[in-house]
């Protein structure tokens, strides 16, 4: 491969373009695969060699070094981490200055998702997000956790509060993990805890095979019942479908104050009542991640996610400033 080929591959990899597509693009550029001076195997070997060179001192060390470099260039960027007993990377948390200012403006509601394990170490990726003034997603920070224990979540939330100038959220929206709920109750004692309806719908499909109950459950989550009407509707539906003894149905009902709209009326949730918003974030971020990513590659990919979301905000701000809205009735 010539130096020009290598430079082109490096710039394309930097923006997450897969190797197979890079090969096809360069072949088209050269007038066909036969005109290239290298094979697909050469290309894979070069990219693999570059990956190893980036993390020659260890993946975690390279990641910490990269984040510290960002902090030196921008004094508002913060990265914090822990080490395990055998001197490995434990938990890692990072935010930049723009995330901090966004949190001060929009952090009254905090969405806290830990459903991703898209890296080769299977570490838990946590994404803090919320809605901005254009009803778009804004990211407040990222973290990698070594496990789903209460102490890990507690460490993360305490660092979040510390970095964000001791501001705590009024409502915290999560996927319902028990350890996470315990940590939130400890660090945000005054916050209202809300659960993602989307996660409950997914769990319902897995735990209850009755398709009729899925329709009932979706209505129970989103319909604007009064509390008495909700209780009557739930009792009637569960009895008619014979699900009184289903353990998942029982445990879900016990936390109804966290997911049923009937109990959450009057609670400001900044658009997280519907599933579409969070489902969109989930799918969007997963499009940038791969299960074989090193931690450094994961951090680079998340940088691209943030840039994309911020560009959406700039575009919306431009239209808001210079265009007139199309009013409809």
Protein backbone atom coordinates (compact mmCIF):
# COMPACT_ATOMS: atom_id res chain seq x y z
CA UNK A 1 0.00 0.00 0.00
CA UNK A 2 1.30 3.47 -0.88
CA UNK A 3 1.42 6.26 1.70
CA UNK A 4 -1.47 7.94 -0.12
CA UNK A 5 -3.58 4.77 0.17
CA UNK A 6 -2.78 4.51 3.88
CA UNK A 7 -3.69 8.17 4.52
CA UNK A 8 -7.02 7.69 2.73
CA UNK A 9 -7.79 4.53 4.74
CA UNK A 10 -6.88 6.28 8.02
CA UNK A 11 -9.21 9.20 7.34
CA UNK A 12 -12.10 6.89 6.36
CA UNK A 13 -11.65 4.64 9.41
CA UNK A 14 -11.67 7.75 11.59
CA UNK A 15 -15.32 8.27 10.61
CA UNK A 16 -16.35 4.67 11.21
CA UNK A 17 -16.49 3.43 7.61
CA UNK A 18 -16.19 -0.42 7.52
CA UNK A 19 -13.15 -1.97 5.81
CA UNK A 20 -15.25 -3.75 3.15
CA UNK A 21 -16.77 -0.42 2.07
CA UNK A 22 -13.37 1.29 2.08
CA UNK A 23 -12.09 -1.46 -0.25
CA UNK A 24 -15.09 -1.08 -2.59
CA UNK A 25 -14.76 2.72 -2.65
CA UNK A 26 -11.02 2.64 -3.41
CA UNK A 27 -11.57 0.01 -6.12
CA UNK A 28 -14.20 2.24 -7.74
CA UNK A 29 -11.88 5.19 -7.47
CA UNK A 30 -9.07 3.26 -9.22
CA UNK A 31 -11.22 1.82 -11.99
CA UNK A 32 -11.75 -1.69 -10.60
CA UNK A 33 -10.31 -4.18 -8.10
CA UNK A 34 -7.68 -5.24 -10.65
CA UNK A 35 -6.24 -1.73 -10.70
CA UNK A 36 -5.51 -1.65 -6.96
CA UNK A 37 -1.93 -2.25 -5.80
CA UNK A 38 -3.06 -4.20 -2.73
CA UNK A 39 -5.49 -6.96 -1.75
CA UNK A 40 -8.30 -6.98 0.80
CA UNK A 41 -6.03 -9.01 3.09
CA UNK A 42 -3.36 -6.27 2.87
CA UNK A 43 -5.98 -3.72 3.84
CA UNK A 44 -7.21 -5.76 6.83
CA UNK A 45 -3.60 -6.31 7.98
CA UNK A 46 -2.82 -2.59 7.75
CA UNK A 47 -5.93 -1.57 9.74
CA UNK A 48 -5.25 -4.24 12.36
CA UNK A 49 -1.65 -3.05 12.69
CA UNK A 50 -2.86 0.54 13.20
CA UNK A 51 -5.29 -0.59 15.90
CA UNK A 52 -2.50 -2.41 17.76
CA UNK A 53 -0.17 0.59 17.42
CA UNK A 54 -2.79 2.87 19.02
CA UNK A 55 -3.02 0.67 22.12
CA UNK A 56 0.60 -0.52 22.31
CA UNK A 57 0.78 0.39 26.04
CA UNK A 58 -2.57 -1.24 26.76
CA UNK A 59 -6.09 -0.35 25.72
CA UNK A 60 -7.13 1.22 29.05
CA UNK A 61 -3.90 3.24 29.29
CA UNK A 62 -4.38 4.54 25.73
CA UNK A 63 -7.99 5.53 26.51
CA UNK A 64 -7.08 7.35 29.73
CA UNK A 65 -4.22 9.08 27.91
CA UNK A 66 -6.59 10.19 25.12
CA UNK A 67 -9.15 11.58 27.60
CA UNK A 68 -6.41 13.33 29.61
CA UNK A 69 -5.18 14.88 26.36
CA UNK A 70 -8.71 16.19 25.72
CA UNK A 71 -8.82 17.58 29.28
CA UNK A 72 -5.50 19.38 28.74
CA UNK A 73 -6.79 20.94 25.50
CA UNK A 74 -10.16 21.87 27.06
CA UNK A 75 -9.96 22.58 30.80
CA UNK A 76 -13.71 21.92 31.22
CA UNK A 77 -13.40 18.27 30.11
CA UNK A 78 -13.34 15.81 33.03
CA UNK A 79 -12.45 12.10 33.04
CA UNK A 80 -12.43 9.95 36.18
CA UNK A 81 -11.70 6.27 36.62
CA UNK A 82 -11.12 3.52 39.17
CA UNK A 83 -8.72 0.58 39.21
CA UNK A 84 -9.47 -2.99 40.25
CA UNK A 85 -7.42 -4.97 42.79
CA UNK A 86 -5.33 -6.51 39.97
CA UNK A 87 -4.53 -3.04 38.53
CA UNK A 88 -7.03 -3.21 35.63
CA UNK A 89 -9.43 -0.46 34.59
CA UNK A 90 -12.56 -0.59 36.74
CA UNK A 91 -15.05 2.21 36.01
CA UNK A 92 -14.55 5.16 33.67
CA UNK A 93 -16.66 8.35 33.48
CA UNK A 94 -16.17 11.33 31.18
CA UNK A 95 -17.93 14.60 30.26
CA UNK A 96 -16.92 17.76 28.42
CA UNK A 97 -17.72 21.43 29.03
CA UNK A 98 -20.67 21.57 26.66
CA UNK A 99 -22.25 18.55 28.37
CA UNK A 100 -21.91 20.35 31.72
CA UNK A 101 -23.59 23.52 30.44
CA UNK A 102 -26.37 21.43 28.82
CA UNK A 103 -26.94 19.66 32.14
CA UNK A 104 -27.37 22.99 33.94
CA UNK A 105 -30.03 23.97 31.38
CA UNK A 106 -31.83 20.69 30.72
CA UNK A 107 -30.79 18.39 33.59
CA UNK A 108 -34.07 18.57 35.55
CA UNK A 109 -34.89 15.21 33.96
CA UNK A 110 -32.07 12.69 33.56
CA UNK A 111 -32.37 9.59 31.38
CA UNK A 112 -29.96 6.92 32.54
CA UNK A 113 -29.55 3.87 30.30
CA UNK A 114 -27.11 1.00 30.78
CA UNK A 115 -28.28 -1.51 28.18
CA UNK A 116 -25.19 -1.47 25.95
CA UNK A 117 -22.28 -3.93 26.09
CA UNK A 118 -20.83 -3.14 22.67
CA UNK A 119 -17.13 -3.59 23.36
CA UNK A 120 -14.83 -6.58 23.45
CA UNK A 121 -14.48 -6.51 27.27
CA UNK A 122 -18.28 -6.62 27.71
CA UNK A 123 -18.10 -3.58 29.99
CA UNK A 124 -21.39 -1.86 30.68
CA UNK A 125 -21.78 1.41 28.76
CA UNK A 126 -23.97 4.02 30.48
CA UNK A 127 -25.37 6.97 28.52
CA UNK A 128 -26.81 10.03 30.32
CA UNK A 129 -29.20 11.95 28.07
CA UNK A 130 -32.21 14.27 27.97
CA UNK A 131 -34.26 16.57 25.73
CA UNK A 132 -33.10 20.06 24.82
CA UNK A 133 -35.20 23.13 23.89
CA UNK A 134 -35.80 21.71 20.39
CA UNK A 135 -37.09 18.40 21.84
CA UNK A 136 -33.94 16.74 20.52
CA UNK A 137 -31.64 14.39 22.37
CA UNK A 138 -28.72 15.97 24.20
CA UNK A 139 -25.97 13.91 25.84
CA UNK A 140 -24.79 14.73 29.39
CA UNK A 141 -22.01 12.17 29.71
CA UNK A 142 -20.81 8.59 29.26
CA UNK A 143 -19.44 5.91 31.56
CA UNK A 144 -18.08 2.38 31.42
CA UNK A 145 -18.82 0.23 34.48
CA UNK A 146 -17.12 -2.99 35.51
CA UNK A 147 -20.36 -4.54 36.86
CA UNK A 148 -23.99 -3.88 37.78
CA UNK A 149 -23.36 -3.58 41.53
CA UNK A 150 -24.81 -0.77 43.66
CA UNK A 151 -21.29 0.50 44.52
CA UNK A 152 -20.48 1.02 40.81
CA UNK A 153 -23.67 2.98 40.18
CA UNK A 154 -23.15 4.95 43.41
CA UNK A 155 -19.59 5.89 42.37
CA UNK A 156 -20.89 7.01 38.97
CA UNK A 157 -23.78 9.13 40.28
CA UNK A 158 -21.65 10.78 42.99
CA UNK A 159 -19.09 11.76 40.35
CA UNK A 160 -21.86 13.04 38.06
CA UNK A 161 -23.26 15.27 40.82
CA UNK A 162 -19.76 16.49 41.76
CA UNK A 163 -18.80 17.34 38.17
CA UNK A 164 -22.14 19.04 37.50
CA UNK A 165 -21.77 21.50 40.38
CA UNK A 166 -23.96 19.57 42.87
CA UNK A 167 -27.09 19.98 40.69
CA UNK A 168 -29.41 16.99 41.09
CA UNK A 169 -32.27 16.02 38.78
CA UNK A 170 -35.95 16.14 39.78
CA UNK A 171 -36.86 13.07 37.72
CA UNK A 172 -34.57 10.15 36.83
CA UNK A 173 -35.70 7.84 34.02
CA UNK A 174 -34.05 4.37 33.96
CA UNK A 175 -34.45 0.84 32.60
CA UNK A 176 -35.43 -0.52 36.04
CA UNK A 177 -32.24 -2.29 37.17
CA UNK A 178 -32.54 -2.95 40.94
CA UNK A 179 -28.96 -1.92 41.79
CA UNK A 180 -29.40 1.25 39.78
CA UNK A 181 -32.64 2.06 41.61
CA UNK A 182 -30.93 1.61 44.98
CA UNK A 183 -28.05 3.93 43.98
CA UNK A 184 -30.48 6.58 42.67
CA UNK A 185 -32.48 6.50 45.92
CA UNK A 186 -29.23 7.06 47.84
CA UNK A 187 -27.68 9.83 45.68
CA UNK A 188 -30.91 11.53 44.45
CA UNK A 189 -33.21 11.01 47.48
CA UNK A 190 -35.67 13.75 46.42
CA UNK A 191 -35.90 12.69 42.74
CA UNK A 192 -38.94 10.95 41.25
CA UNK A 193 -37.89 7.66 39.67
CA UNK A 194 -39.52 6.79 36.35
CA UNK A 195 -39.03 3.62 34.29
CA UNK A 196 -38.74 3.45 30.50
CA UNK A 197 -42.01 2.11 29.09
CA UNK A 198 -40.04 0.80 26.12
CA UNK A 199 -37.98 -1.59 28.27
CA UNK A 200 -41.14 -2.87 29.95
CA UNK A 201 -42.72 -3.54 26.57
CA UNK A 202 -39.66 -5.54 25.49
CA UNK A 203 -39.69 -7.52 28.74
CA UNK A 204 -43.40 -8.16 28.40
CA UNK A 205 -42.85 -9.82 25.02
CA UNK A 206 -40.18 -12.11 26.56
CA UNK A 207 -41.91 -12.93 29.86
CA UNK A 208 -45.60 -13.16 28.93
CA UNK A 209 -46.49 -15.14 25.82
CA UNK A 210 -50.13 -14.01 25.76
CA UNK A 211 -50.37 -11.52 22.85
CA UNK A 212 -53.62 -10.07 24.24
CA UNK A 213 -51.84 -9.07 27.47
CA UNK A 214 -49.24 -7.09 25.48
CA UNK A 215 -52.03 -4.83 24.16
CA UNK A 216 -53.50 -4.54 27.67
CA UNK A 217 -50.10 -3.69 29.14
CA UNK A 218 -49.31 -1.03 26.53
CA UNK A 219 -52.63 0.67 27.29
CA UNK A 220 -51.92 0.44 31.04
CA UNK A 221 -48.58 2.25 30.52
CA UNK A 222 -49.70 5.08 28.25
CA UNK A 223 -53.46 5.60 28.66
CA UNK A 224 -54.41 8.69 30.65
CA UNK A 225 -56.38 6.83 33.33
CA UNK A 226 -57.30 8.17 36.74
CA UNK A 227 -55.76 6.01 39.47
CA UNK A 228 -59.05 4.25 40.36
CA UNK A 229 -59.78 3.54 36.70
CA UNK A 230 -56.27 2.16 36.21
CA UNK A 231 -56.64 -0.20 39.18
CA UNK A 232 -59.99 -1.44 37.92
CA UNK A 233 -58.68 -1.89 34.35
CA UNK A 234 -55.57 -3.81 35.53
CA UNK A 235 -57.49 -6.09 37.89
CA UNK A 236 -60.14 -6.95 35.29
CA UNK A 237 -57.59 -7.58 32.52
CA UNK A 238 -55.28 -9.78 34.62
CA UNK A 239 -58.16 -11.87 35.97
CA UNK A 240 -59.80 -12.31 32.54
CA UNK A 241 -56.47 -13.52 31.06
CA UNK A 242 -55.71 -15.78 34.04
CA UNK A 243 -52.35 -14.13 34.85
CA UNK A 244 -52.86 -13.57 38.61
CA UNK A 245 -50.02 -15.97 39.47
CA UNK A 246 -47.53 -14.81 36.81
CA UNK A 247 -44.46 -13.62 38.76
CA UNK A 248 -43.46 -10.99 36.18
CA UNK A 249 -46.96 -9.50 36.08
CA UNK A 250 -47.01 -9.34 39.90
CA UNK A 251 -43.55 -7.75 40.26
CA UNK A 252 -44.32 -5.22 37.50
CA UNK A 253 -47.57 -4.20 39.19
CA UNK A 254 -45.69 -3.60 42.47
CA UNK A 255 -43.69 -0.77 40.84
CA UNK A 256 -46.65 0.72 38.94
CA UNK A 257 -45.98 4.20 40.42
CA UNK A 258 -42.82 4.30 38.27
CA UNK A 259 -44.33 3.44 34.88
CA UNK A 260 -48.11 3.96 34.75
CA UNK A 261 -49.18 7.34 33.38
CA UNK A 262 -52.07 7.28 35.89
CA UNK A 263 -49.53 7.65 38.74
CA UNK A 264 -47.20 10.00 36.85
CA UNK A 265 -49.73 12.65 35.86
CA UNK A 266 -48.37 16.06 36.78
CA UNK A 267 -44.74 14.85 36.71
CA UNK A 268 -42.60 16.66 34.11
CA UNK A 269 -40.70 14.04 32.08
CA UNK A 270 -39.52 16.15 29.11
CA UNK A 271 -40.97 13.90 26.41
CA UNK A 272 -39.91 10.53 27.84
CA UNK A 273 -43.52 9.40 28.21
CA UNK A 274 -43.43 7.78 24.78
CA UNK A 275 -41.19 4.91 23.75
CA UNK A 276 -40.23 6.39 20.39
CA UNK A 277 -37.74 8.91 21.80
CA UNK A 278 -35.66 6.43 23.74
CA UNK A 279 -35.95 3.68 21.18
CA UNK A 280 -34.52 6.15 18.67
CA UNK A 281 -31.51 7.02 20.88
CA UNK A 282 -30.87 3.34 21.56
CA UNK A 283 -30.89 2.37 17.88
CA UNK A 284 -28.86 5.44 16.86
CA UNK A 285 -26.01 4.85 19.32
CA UNK A 286 -25.86 1.13 18.55
CA UNK A 287 -25.28 2.05 14.91
CA UNK A 288 -21.91 3.52 15.92
CA UNK A 289 -20.77 0.61 18.14
CA UNK A 290 -19.35 -2.84 17.44
CA UNK A 291 -18.90 -5.77 19.82
CA UNK A 292 -15.23 -6.05 18.80
CA UNK A 293 -14.40 -2.40 19.62
CA UNK A 294 -11.54 -1.68 21.98
CA UNK A 295 -12.27 0.88 24.71
CA UNK A 296 -10.36 3.54 22.78
CA UNK A 297 -12.38 2.84 19.61
CA UNK A 298 -15.57 2.96 21.69
CA UNK A 299 -14.65 6.42 23.05
CA UNK A 300 -13.84 7.67 19.53
CA UNK A 301 -17.22 6.34 18.27
CA UNK A 302 -19.07 8.09 21.11
CA UNK A 303 -17.30 11.34 20.22
CA UNK A 304 -18.86 11.03 16.76
CA UNK A 305 -22.29 10.39 18.30
CA UNK A 306 -22.03 13.61 20.32
CA UNK A 307 -20.88 15.63 17.29
CA UNK A 308 -23.87 14.33 15.30
CA UNK A 309 -26.37 15.28 18.00
CA UNK A 310 -24.79 18.72 18.39
CA UNK A 311 -24.98 19.30 14.65
CA UNK A 312 -28.72 18.50 14.81
CA UNK A 313 -29.10 21.17 17.49
CA UNK A 314 -27.19 23.78 15.45
CA UNK A 315 -29.39 23.04 12.42
CA UNK A 316 -32.59 23.29 14.49
CA UNK A 317 -31.36 26.54 16.05
CA UNK A 318 -30.72 28.00 12.58
CA UNK A 319 -34.23 27.12 11.35
CA UNK A 320 -35.73 28.44 14.60
CA UNK A 321 -33.91 31.77 14.19
CA UNK A 322 -34.27 32.44 10.46
CA UNK A 323 -37.40 30.59 9.31
CA UNK A 324 -41.08 31.05 10.15
CA UNK A 325 -42.89 27.99 11.51
CA UNK A 326 -45.61 26.36 9.39
CA UNK A 327 -48.66 26.70 11.65
CA UNK A 328 -51.26 23.94 11.48
CA UNK A 329 -54.64 23.41 13.11
